Amino acid sequence: ISFSINTMAWHRQGPGKQRELVAFITSVGSTYYADSVK
């Protein structure tokens, strides 16, 4: 991929749970975090 322009993220899936978004970071470094990990 053209990594430098791509938004990248981490997700997780716990036992018996749905996959959820943990955090993402945009190409310019803006970030988002789930409340549970902020």
PDB file of all heavy atoms in Angstrom:
ATOM      1  N   ILE A   1       0.848  -1.188   0.000  1.00  0.00           N
ATOM      2  CA  ILE A   1       0.000   0.000   0.000  1.00  0.00           C
ATOM      3  C   ILE A   1       0.884   1.238   0.000  1.00  0.00           C
ATOM      4  O   ILE A   1       2.074   1.153   0.321  1.00  0.00           O
ATOM      5  CB  ILE A   1      -0.938   0.059   1.233  1.00  0.00           C
ATOM      6  CG1 ILE A   1      -0.131   0.075   2.548  1.00  0.00           C
ATOM      7  CG2 ILE A   1      -1.910  -1.092   1.216  1.00  0.00           C
ATOM      8  CD1 ILE A   1      -0.973   0.303   3.777  1.00  0.00           C
ATOM      9  N   SER A   2       0.267   2.361  -0.363  1.00  0.00           N
ATOM     10  CA  SER A   2       0.947   3.649  -0.217  1.00  0.00           C
ATOM     11  C   SER A   2       0.789   4.069   1.235  1.00  0.00           C
ATOM     12  O   SER A   2      -0.119   4.818   1.596  1.00  0.00           O
ATOM     13  CB  SER A   2       0.331   4.674  -1.158  1.00  0.00           C
ATOM     14  OG  SER A   2       0.530   4.296  -2.508  1.00  0.00           O
ATOM     15  N   PHE A   3       1.672   3.560   2.060  1.00  0.00           N
ATOM     16  CA  PHE A   3       1.483   3.618   3.506  1.00  0.00           C
ATOM     17  C   PHE A   3       1.321   5.050   4.012  1.00  0.00           C
ATOM     18  O   PHE A   3       0.468   5.317   4.855  1.00  0.00           O
ATOM     19  CB  PHE A   3       2.660   2.950   4.210  1.00  0.00           C
ATOM     20  CG  PHE A   3       2.540   2.921   5.708  1.00  0.00           C
ATOM     21  CD1 PHE A   3       1.769   1.957   6.328  1.00  0.00           C
ATOM     22  CD2 PHE A   3       3.194   3.864   6.497  1.00  0.00           C
ATOM     23  CE1 PHE A   3       1.644   1.919   7.713  1.00  0.00           C
ATOM     24  CE2 PHE A   3       3.077   3.844   7.874  1.00  0.00           C
ATOM     25  CZ  PHE A   3       2.293   2.862   8.492  1.00  0.00           C
ATOM     26  N   SER A   4       2.127   5.959   3.513  1.00  0.00           N
ATOM     27  CA  SER A   4       2.150   7.305   4.087  1.00  0.00           C
ATOM     28  C   SER A   4       0.820   8.038   3.944  1.00  0.00           C
ATOM     29  O   SER A   4       0.544   8.975   4.695  1.00  0.00           O
ATOM     30  CB  SER A   4       3.274   8.135   3.468  1.00  0.00           C
ATOM     31  OG  SER A   4       3.045   8.313   2.086  1.00  0.00           O
ATOM     32  N   ILE A   5      -0.010   7.645   2.989  1.00  0.00           N
ATOM     33  CA  ILE A   5      -1.293   8.326   2.789  1.00  0.00           C
ATOM     34  C   ILE A   5      -2.454   7.536   3.379  1.00  0.00           C
ATOM     35  O   ILE A   5      -3.606   7.958   3.292  1.00  0.00           O
ATOM     36  CB  ILE A   5      -1.579   8.613   1.291  1.00  0.00           C
ATOM     37  CG1 ILE A   5      -1.765   7.305   0.513  1.00  0.00           C
ATOM     38  CG2 ILE A   5      -0.479   9.464   0.686  1.00  0.00           C
ATOM     39  CD1 ILE A   5      -2.294   7.542  -0.899  1.00  0.00           C
ATOM     40  N   ASN A   6      -2.158   6.405   3.966  1.00  0.00           N
ATOM     41  CA  ASN A   6      -3.215   5.509   4.448  1.00  0.00           C
ATOM     42  C   ASN A   6      -3.519   5.722   5.924  1.00  0.00           C
ATOM     43  O   ASN A   6      -2.585   5.786   6.745  1.00  0.00           O
ATOM     44  CB  ASN A   6      -2.816   4.050   4.238  1.00  0.00           C
ATOM     45  CG  ASN A   6      -3.948   3.227   3.664  1.00  0.00           C
ATOM     46  OD1 ASN A   6      -4.147   3.189   2.459  1.00  0.00           O
ATOM     47  ND2 ASN A   6      -4.709   2.580   4.529  1.00  0.00           N
ATOM     48  N   THR A   7      -4.798   5.805   6.257  1.00  0.00           N
ATOM     49  CA  THR A   7      -5.203   5.740   7.655  1.00  0.00           C
ATOM     50  C   THR A   7      -5.023   4.304   8.137  1.00  0.00           C
ATOM     51  O   THR A   7      -5.433   3.354   7.462  1.00  0.00           O
ATOM     52  CB  THR A   7      -6.663   6.176   7.825  1.00  0.00           C
ATOM     53  OG1 THR A   7      -6.761   7.573   7.529  1.00  0.00           O
ATOM     54  CG2 THR A   7      -7.151   5.936   9.247  1.00  0.00           C
ATOM     55  N   MET A   8      -4.412   4.157   9.289  1.00  0.00           N
ATOM     56  CA  MET A   8      -4.144   2.844   9.863  1.00  0.00           C
ATOM     57  C   MET A   8      -4.842   2.723  11.223  1.00  0.00           C
ATOM     58  O   MET A   8      -5.024   3.730  11.922  1.00  0.00           O
ATOM     59  CB  MET A   8      -2.649   2.628  10.029  1.00  0.00           C
ATOM     60  CG  MET A   8      -1.858   2.735   8.743  1.00  0.00           C
ATOM     61  SD  MET A   8      -2.310   1.484   7.517  1.00  0.00           S
ATOM     62  CE  MET A   8      -1.834  -0.026   8.381  1.00  0.00           C
ATOM     63  N   ALA A   9      -5.188   1.502  11.587  1.00  0.00           N
ATOM     64  CA  ALA A   9      -5.961   1.313  12.806  1.00  0.00           C
ATOM     65  C   ALA A   9      -5.578   0.020  13.509  1.00  0.00           C
ATOM     66  O   ALA A   9      -4.976  -0.879  12.911  1.00  0.00           O
ATOM     67  CB  ALA A   9      -7.452   1.286  12.482  1.00  0.00           C
ATOM     68  N   TRP A  10      -5.940  -0.033  14.772  1.00  0.00           N
ATOM     69  CA  TRP A  10      -5.891  -1.262  15.564  1.00  0.00           C
ATOM     70  C   TRP A  10      -7.318  -1.579  16.026  1.00  0.00           C
ATOM     71  O   TRP A  10      -8.024  -0.699  16.522  1.00  0.00           O
ATOM     72  CB  TRP A  10      -4.987  -1.113  16.771  1.00  0.00           C
ATOM     73  CG  TRP A  10      -3.536  -1.076  16.437  1.00  0.00           C
ATOM     74  CD1 TRP A  10      -2.758   0.029  16.257  1.00  0.00           C
ATOM     75  CD2 TRP A  10      -2.665  -2.201  16.245  1.00  0.00           C
ATOM     76  NE1 TRP A  10      -1.474  -0.337  15.956  1.00  0.00           N
ATOM     77  CE2 TRP A  10      -1.389  -1.707  15.945  1.00  0.00           C
ATOM     78  CE3 TRP A  10      -2.837  -3.592  16.299  1.00  0.00           C
ATOM     79  CZ2 TRP A  10      -0.291  -2.533  15.693  1.00  0.00           C
ATOM     80  CZ3 TRP A  10      -1.763  -4.415  16.055  1.00  0.00           C
ATOM     81  CH2 TRP A  10      -0.503  -3.893  15.759  1.00  0.00           C
ATOM     82  N   HIS A  11      -7.692  -2.830  15.848  1.00  0.00           N
ATOM     83  CA  HIS A  11      -8.947  -3.342  16.344  1.00  0.00           C
ATOM     84  C   HIS A  11      -8.637  -4.500  17.285  1.00  0.00           C
ATOM     85  O   HIS A  11      -7.515  -5.013  17.295  1.00  0.00           O
ATOM     86  CB  HIS A  11      -9.828  -3.856  15.200  1.00  0.00           C
ATOM     87  CG  HIS A  11     -10.273  -2.798  14.244  1.00  0.00           C
ATOM     88  ND1 HIS A  11     -11.594  -2.434  14.110  1.00  0.00           N
ATOM     89  CD2 HIS A  11      -9.583  -2.024  13.371  1.00  0.00           C
ATOM     90  CE1 HIS A  11     -11.700  -1.499  13.193  1.00  0.00           C
ATOM     91  NE2 HIS A  11     -10.495  -1.228  12.726  1.00  0.00           N
ATOM     92  N   ARG A  12      -9.616  -4.934  18.049  1.00  0.00           N
ATOM     93  CA  ARG A  12      -9.432  -6.105  18.902  1.00  0.00           C
ATOM     94  C   ARG A  12     -10.736  -6.896  19.005  1.00  0.00           C
ATOM     95  O   ARG A  12     -11.824  -6.345  18.824  1.00  0.00           O
ATOM     96  CB  ARG A  12      -8.939  -5.724  20.291  1.00  0.00           C
ATOM     97  CG  ARG A  12      -9.948  -4.964  21.135  1.00  0.00           C
ATOM     98  CD  ARG A  12      -9.323  -4.530  22.458  1.00  0.00           C
ATOM     99  NE  ARG A  12     -10.253  -3.812  23.311  1.00  0.00           N
ATOM    100  CZ  ARG A  12      -9.925  -3.222  24.447  1.00  0.00           C
ATOM    101  NH1 ARG A  12      -8.647  -3.258  24.878  1.00  0.00           N
ATOM    102  NH2 ARG A  12     -10.838  -2.595  25.169  1.00  0.00           N
ATOM    103  N   GLN A  13     -10.579  -8.175  19.282  1.00  0.00           N
ATOM    104  CA  GLN A  13     -11.736  -9.036  19.490  1.00  0.00           C
ATOM    105  C   GLN A  13     -11.472  -9.901  20.718  1.00  0.00           C
ATOM    106  O   GLN A  13     -10.593 -10.777  20.687  1.00  0.00           O
ATOM    107  CB  GLN A  13     -12.015  -9.902  18.268  1.00  0.00           C
ATOM    108  CG  GLN A  13     -13.298 -10.702  18.381  1.00  0.00           C
ATOM    109  CD  GLN A  13     -13.735 -11.284  17.043  1.00  0.00           C
ATOM    110  OE1 GLN A  13     -12.966 -11.326  16.080  1.00  0.00           O
ATOM    111  NE2 GLN A  13     -14.980 -11.720  16.978  1.00  0.00           N
ATOM    112  N   GLY A  14     -12.213  -9.615  21.782  1.00  0.00           N
ATOM    113  CA  GLY A  14     -12.086 -10.382  23.005  1.00  0.00           C
ATOM    114  C   GLY A  14     -12.912 -11.646  22.947  1.00  0.00           C
ATOM    115  O   GLY A  14     -13.750 -11.819  22.059  1.00  0.00           O
ATOM    116  N   PRO A  15     -12.697 -12.554  23.912  1.00  0.00           N
ATOM    117  CA  PRO A  15     -13.440 -13.818  23.936  1.00  0.00           C
ATOM    118  C   PRO A  15     -14.942 -13.576  23.990  1.00  0.00           C
ATOM    119  O   PRO A  15     -15.431 -12.876  24.879  1.00  0.00           O
ATOM    120  CB  PRO A  15     -12.940 -14.480  25.219  1.00  0.00           C
ATOM    121  CG  PRO A  15     -11.651 -13.817  25.540  1.00  0.00           C
ATOM    122  CD  PRO A  15     -11.747 -12.426  25.018  1.00  0.00           C
ATOM    123  N   GLY A  16     -15.668 -14.127  23.021  1.00  0.00           N
ATOM    124  CA  GLY A  16     -17.114 -13.996  22.997  1.00  0.00           C
ATOM    125  C   GLY A  16     -17.615 -12.621  22.651  1.00  0.00           C
ATOM    126  O   GLY A  16     -18.800 -12.320  22.842  1.00  0.00           O
ATOM    127  N   LYS A  17     -16.732 -11.764  22.153  1.00  0.00           N
ATOM    128  CA  LYS A  17     -17.135 -10.399  21.836  1.00  0.00           C
ATOM    129  C   LYS A  17     -16.964 -10.114  20.353  1.00  0.00           C
ATOM    130  O   LYS A  17     -16.254 -10.822  19.641  1.00  0.00           O
ATOM    131  CB  LYS A  17     -16.285  -9.406  22.636  1.00  0.00           C
ATOM    132  CG  LYS A  17     -16.438  -9.527  24.138  1.00  0.00           C
ATOM    133  CD  LYS A  17     -15.576  -8.488  24.848  1.00  0.00           C
ATOM    134  CE  LYS A  17     -15.696  -8.589  26.354  1.00  0.00           C
ATOM    135  NZ  LYS A  17     -14.842  -7.589  27.044  1.00  0.00           N
ATOM    136  N   GLN A  18     -17.613  -9.047  19.907  1.00  0.00           N
ATOM    137  CA  GLN A  18     -17.445  -8.600  18.531  1.00  0.00           C
ATOM    138  C   GLN A  18     -16.129  -7.833  18.394  1.00  0.00           C
ATOM    139  O   GLN A  18     -15.619  -7.258  19.365  1.00  0.00           O
ATOM    140  CB  GLN A  18     -18.615  -7.714  18.117  1.00  0.00           C
ATOM    141  CG  GLN A  18     -19.935  -8.455  17.966  1.00  0.00           C
ATOM    142  CD  GLN A  18     -21.013  -7.585  17.356  1.00  0.00           C
ATOM    143  OE1 GLN A  18     -21.026  -6.374  17.557  1.00  0.00           O
ATOM    144  NE2 GLN A  18     -21.917  -8.193  16.604  1.00  0.00           N
ATOM    145  N   ARG A  19     -15.605  -7.807  17.202  1.00  0.00           N
ATOM    146  CA  ARG A  19     -14.407  -7.023  16.944  1.00  0.00           C
ATOM    147  C   ARG A  19     -14.742  -5.543  17.114  1.00  0.00           C
ATOM    148  O   ARG A  19     -15.787  -5.077  16.653  1.00  0.00           O
ATOM    149  CB  ARG A  19     -13.878  -7.290  15.537  1.00  0.00           C
ATOM    150  CG  ARG A  19     -12.496  -6.729  15.280  1.00  0.00           C
ATOM    151  CD  ARG A  19     -11.955  -7.172  13.925  1.00  0.00           C
ATOM    152  NE  ARG A  19     -11.815  -8.620  13.825  1.00  0.00           N
ATOM    153  CZ  ARG A  19     -11.181  -9.229  12.812  1.00  0.00           C
ATOM    154  NH1 ARG A  19     -10.635  -8.506  11.847  1.00  0.00           N
ATOM    155  NH2 ARG A  19     -11.109 -10.543  12.790  1.00  0.00           N
ATOM    156  N   GLU A  20     -13.845  -4.814  17.781  1.00  0.00           N
ATOM    157  CA  GLU A  20     -14.084  -3.403  18.018  1.00  0.00           C
ATOM    158  C   GLU A  20     -12.861  -2.571  17.657  1.00  0.00           C
ATOM    159  O   GLU A  20     -11.724  -3.053  17.720  1.00  0.00           O
ATOM    160  CB  GLU A  20     -14.433  -3.159  19.503  1.00  0.00           C
ATOM    161  CG  GLU A  20     -13.337  -3.527  20.470  1.00  0.00           C
ATOM    162  CD  GLU A  20     -13.675  -3.192  21.917  1.00  0.00           C
ATOM    163  OE1 GLU A  20     -14.723  -2.570  22.182  1.00  0.00           O
ATOM    164  OE2 GLU A  20     -12.866  -3.542  22.804  1.00  0.00           O
ATOM    165  N   LEU A  21     -13.123  -1.312  17.300  1.00  0.00           N
ATOM    166  CA  LEU A  21     -12.057  -0.382  16.990  1.00  0.00           C
ATOM    167  C   LEU A  21     -11.396   0.074  18.289  1.00  0.00           C
ATOM    168  O   LEU A  21     -12.075   0.490  19.222  1.00  0.00           O
ATOM    169  CB  LEU A  21     -12.607   0.823  16.237  1.00  0.00           C
ATOM    170  CG  LEU A  21     -11.641   1.965  15.958  1.00  0.00           C
ATOM    171  CD1 LEU A  21     -10.532   1.519  15.010  1.00  0.00           C
ATOM    172  CD2 LEU A  21     -12.391   3.161  15.380  1.00  0.00           C
ATOM    173  N   VAL A  22     -10.078   0.018  18.318  1.00  0.00           N
ATOM    174  CA  VAL A  22      -9.319   0.491  19.476  1.00  0.00           C
ATOM    175  C   VAL A  22      -8.790   1.897  19.235  1.00  0.00           C
ATOM    176  O   VAL A  22      -8.955   2.789  20.071  1.00  0.00           O
ATOM    177  CB  VAL A  22      -8.140  -0.461  19.778  1.00  0.00           C
ATOM    178  CG1 VAL A  22      -7.270   0.095  20.892  1.00  0.00           C
ATOM    179  CG2 VAL A  22      -8.649  -1.852  20.123  1.00  0.00           C
ATOM    180  N   ALA A  23      -8.162   2.100  18.083  1.00  0.00           N
ATOM    181  CA  ALA A  23      -7.575   3.397  17.769  1.00  0.00           C
ATOM    182  C   ALA A  23      -7.278   3.457  16.285  1.00  0.00           C
ATOM    183  O   ALA A  23      -7.099   2.427  15.633  1.00  0.00           O
ATOM    184  CB  ALA A  23      -6.291   3.618  18.567  1.00  0.00           C
ATOM    185  N   PHE A  24      -7.239   4.690  15.753  1.00  0.00           N
ATOM    186  CA  PHE A  24      -6.723   4.857  14.397  1.00  0.00           C
ATOM    187  C   PHE A  24      -5.877   6.116  14.316  1.00  0.00           C
ATOM    188  O   PHE A  24      -5.978   7.018  15.165  1.00  0.00           O
ATOM    189  CB  PHE A  24      -7.824   4.832  13.342  1.00  0.00           C
ATOM    190  CG  PHE A  24      -8.767   6.005  13.318  1.00  0.00           C
ATOM    191  CD1 PHE A  24      -8.382   7.240  12.798  1.00  0.00           C
ATOM    192  CD2 PHE A  24     -10.070   5.875  13.769  1.00  0.00           C
ATOM    193  CE1 PHE A  24      -9.255   8.301  12.760  1.00  0.00           C
ATOM    194  CE2 PHE A  24     -10.959   6.922  13.722  1.00  0.00           C
ATOM    195  CZ  PHE A  24     -10.557   8.145  13.215  1.00  0.00           C
ATOM    196  N   ILE A  25      -5.059   6.173  13.276  1.00  0.00           N
ATOM    197  CA  ILE A  25      -4.192   7.324  13.036  1.00  0.00           C
ATOM    198  C   ILE A  25      -4.248   7.649  11.553  1.00  0.00           C
ATOM    199  O   ILE A  25      -4.113   6.767  10.705  1.00  0.00           O
ATOM    200  CB  ILE A  25      -2.742   7.050  13.519  1.00  0.00           C
ATOM    201  CG1 ILE A  25      -1.876   8.291  13.355  1.00  0.00           C
ATOM    202  CG2 ILE A  25      -2.126   5.837  12.828  1.00  0.00           C
ATOM    203  CD1 ILE A  25      -0.542   8.205  14.121  1.00  0.00           C
ATOM    204  N   THR A  26      -4.458   8.916  11.242  1.00  0.00           N
ATOM    205  CA  THR A  26      -4.565   9.334   9.854  1.00  0.00           C
ATOM    206  C   THR A  26      -3.192   9.578   9.256  1.00  0.00           C
ATOM    207  O   THR A  26      -2.169   9.537   9.951  1.00  0.00           O
ATOM    208  CB  THR A  26      -5.412  10.603   9.723  1.00  0.00           C
ATOM    209  OG1 THR A  26      -4.676  11.702  10.290  1.00  0.00           O
ATOM    210  CG2 THR A  26      -6.752  10.456  10.438  1.00  0.00           C
ATOM    211  N   SER A  27      -3.188   9.903   7.974  1.00  0.00           N
ATOM    212  CA  SER A  27      -1.929  10.157   7.278  1.00  0.00           C
ATOM    213  C   SER A  27      -1.207  11.370   7.844  1.00  0.00           C
ATOM    214  O   SER A  27       0.020  11.457   7.761  1.00  0.00           O
ATOM    215  CB  SER A  27      -2.180  10.341   5.786  1.00  0.00           C
ATOM    216  OG  SER A  27      -3.042  11.435   5.560  1.00  0.00           O
ATOM    217  N   VAL A  28      -1.953  12.295   8.430  1.00  0.00           N
ATOM    218  CA  VAL A  28      -1.320  13.502   8.975  1.00  0.00           C
ATOM    219  C   VAL A  28      -1.112  13.409  10.482  1.00  0.00           C
ATOM    220  O   VAL A  28      -0.738  14.381  11.119  1.00  0.00           O
ATOM    221  CB  VAL A  28      -2.138  14.766   8.638  1.00  0.00           C
ATOM    222  CG1 VAL A  28      -2.163  14.986   7.135  1.00  0.00           C
ATOM    223  CG2 VAL A  28      -3.544  14.696   9.206  1.00  0.00           C
ATOM    224  N   GLY A  29      -1.387  12.219  11.040  1.00  0.00           N
ATOM    225  CA  GLY A  29      -1.099  12.001  12.451  1.00  0.00           C
ATOM    226  C   GLY A  29      -2.226  12.274  13.420  1.00  0.00           C
ATOM    227  O   GLY A  29      -2.020  12.188  14.637  1.00  0.00           O
ATOM    228  N   SER A  30      -3.404  12.595  12.913  1.00  0.00           N
ATOM    229  CA  SER A  30      -4.541  12.748  13.819  1.00  0.00           C
ATOM    230  C   SER A  30      -4.928  11.377  14.359  1.00  0.00           C
ATOM    231  O   SER A  30      -4.864  10.384  13.633  1.00  0.00           O
ATOM    232  CB  SER A  30      -5.722  13.376  13.088  1.00  0.00           C
ATOM    233  OG  SER A  30      -5.396  14.664  12.627  1.00  0.00           O
ATOM    234  N   THR A  31      -5.327  11.343  15.620  1.00  0.00           N
ATOM    235  CA  THR A  31      -5.620  10.064  16.260  1.00  0.00           C
ATOM    236  C   THR A  31      -7.018  10.033  16.867  1.00  0.00           C
ATOM    237  O   THR A  31      -7.606  11.074  17.189  1.00  0.00           O
ATOM    238  CB  THR A  31      -4.603   9.747  17.365  1.00  0.00           C
ATOM    239  OG1 THR A  31      -4.597  10.820  18.320  1.00  0.00           O
ATOM    240  CG2 THR A  31      -3.213   9.564  16.791  1.00  0.00           C
ATOM    241  N   TYR A  32      -7.516   8.829  16.993  1.00  0.00           N
ATOM    242  CA  TYR A  32      -8.794   8.569  17.671  1.00  0.00           C
ATOM    243  C   TYR A  32      -8.592   7.362  18.568  1.00  0.00           C
ATOM    244  O   TYR A  32      -7.900   6.410  18.191  1.00  0.00           O
ATOM    245  CB  TYR A  32      -9.899   8.268  16.661  1.00  0.00           C
ATOM    246  CG  TYR A  32     -11.101   7.602  17.294  1.00  0.00           C
ATOM    247  CD1 TYR A  32     -12.121   8.359  17.853  1.00  0.00           C
ATOM    248  CD2 TYR A  32     -11.188   6.207  17.370  1.00  0.00           C
ATOM    249  CE1 TYR A  32     -13.203   7.749  18.462  1.00  0.00           C
ATOM    250  CE2 TYR A  32     -12.272   5.597  17.982  1.00  0.00           C
ATOM    251  CZ  TYR A  32     -13.277   6.368  18.523  1.00  0.00           C
ATOM    252  OH  TYR A  32     -14.332   5.753  19.129  1.00  0.00           O
ATOM    253  N   TYR A  33      -9.213   7.402  19.753  1.00  0.00           N
ATOM    254  CA  TYR A  33      -9.150   6.271  20.679  1.00  0.00           C
ATOM    255  C   TYR A  33     -10.541   5.932  21.188  1.00  0.00           C
ATOM    256  O   TYR A  33     -11.361   6.815  21.451  1.00  0.00           O
ATOM    257  CB  TYR A  33      -8.262   6.605  21.880  1.00  0.00           C
ATOM    258  CG  TYR A  33      -6.826   6.867  21.527  1.00  0.00           C
ATOM    259  CD1 TYR A  33      -6.366   8.149  21.308  1.00  0.00           C
ATOM    260  CD2 TYR A  33      -5.927   5.808  21.406  1.00  0.00           C
ATOM    261  CE1 TYR A  33      -5.045   8.389  20.968  1.00  0.00           C
ATOM    262  CE2 TYR A  33      -4.599   6.037  21.072  1.00  0.00           C
ATOM    263  CZ  TYR A  33      -4.167   7.329  20.845  1.00  0.00           C
ATOM    264  OH  TYR A  33      -2.851   7.558  20.508  1.00  0.00           O
ATOM    265  N   ALA A  34     -10.778   4.644  21.349  1.00  0.00           N
ATOM    266  CA  ALA A  34     -11.992   4.219  22.026  1.00  0.00           C
ATOM    267  C   ALA A  34     -11.927   4.683  23.480  1.00  0.00           C
ATOM    268  O   ALA A  34     -10.840   4.760  24.069  1.00  0.00           O
ATOM    269  CB  ALA A  34     -12.120   2.698  21.970  1.00  0.00           C
ATOM    270  N   ASP A  35     -13.078   4.980  24.043  1.00  0.00           N
ATOM    271  CA  ASP A  35     -13.116   5.467  25.426  1.00  0.00           C
ATOM    272  C   ASP A  35     -12.447   4.479  26.386  1.00  0.00           C
ATOM    273  O   ASP A  35     -11.815   4.887  27.365  1.00  0.00           O
ATOM    274  CB  ASP A  35     -14.559   5.702  25.856  1.00  0.00           C
ATOM    275  CG  ASP A  35     -15.165   6.940  25.223  1.00  0.00           C
ATOM    276  OD1 ASP A  35     -14.400   7.789  24.718  1.00  0.00           O
ATOM    277  OD2 ASP A  35     -16.402   7.061  25.233  1.00  0.00           O
ATOM    278  N   SER A  36     -12.567   3.197  26.103  1.00  0.00           N
ATOM    279  CA  SER A  36     -12.056   2.175  27.017  1.00  0.00           C
ATOM    280  C   SER A  36     -10.534   2.165  27.109  1.00  0.00           C
ATOM    281  O   SER A  36      -9.977   1.611  28.064  1.00  0.00           O
ATOM    282  CB  SER A  36     -12.550   0.797  26.589  1.00  0.00           C
ATOM    283  OG  SER A  36     -12.149   0.518  25.260  1.00  0.00           O
ATOM    284  N   VAL A  37      -9.845   2.775  26.135  1.00  0.00           N
ATOM    285  CA  VAL A  37      -8.375   2.746  26.146  1.00  0.00           C
ATOM    286  C   VAL A  37      -7.769   4.135  26.226  1.00  0.00           C
ATOM    287  O   VAL A  37      -6.546   4.268  26.337  1.00  0.00           O
ATOM    288  CB  VAL A  37      -7.822   2.005  24.909  1.00  0.00           C
ATOM    289  CG1 VAL A  37      -8.434   0.627  24.789  1.00  0.00           C
ATOM    290  CG2 VAL A  37      -8.030   2.814  23.636  1.00  0.00           C
ATOM    291  N   LYS A  38      -8.597   5.155  26.183  1.00  0.00           N
ATOM    292  CA  LYS A  38      -8.100   6.528  26.165  1.00  0.00           C
ATOM    293  C   LYS A  38      -7.270   6.802  27.417  1.00  0.00           C
ATOM    294  O   LYS A  38      -7.675   6.462  28.530  1.00  0.00           O
ATOM    295  CB  LYS A  38      -9.284   7.494  26.081  1.00  0.00           C
ATOM    296  CG  LYS A  38      -8.964   8.865  25.547  1.00  0.00           C
ATOM    297  CD  LYS A  38     -10.250   9.660  25.320  1.00  0.00           C
ATOM    298  CE  LYS A  38     -11.084   9.083  24.196  1.00  0.00           C
ATOM    299  NZ  LYS A  38     -12.287   9.906  23.923  1.00  0.00           N
TER     300      LYS A  38
END
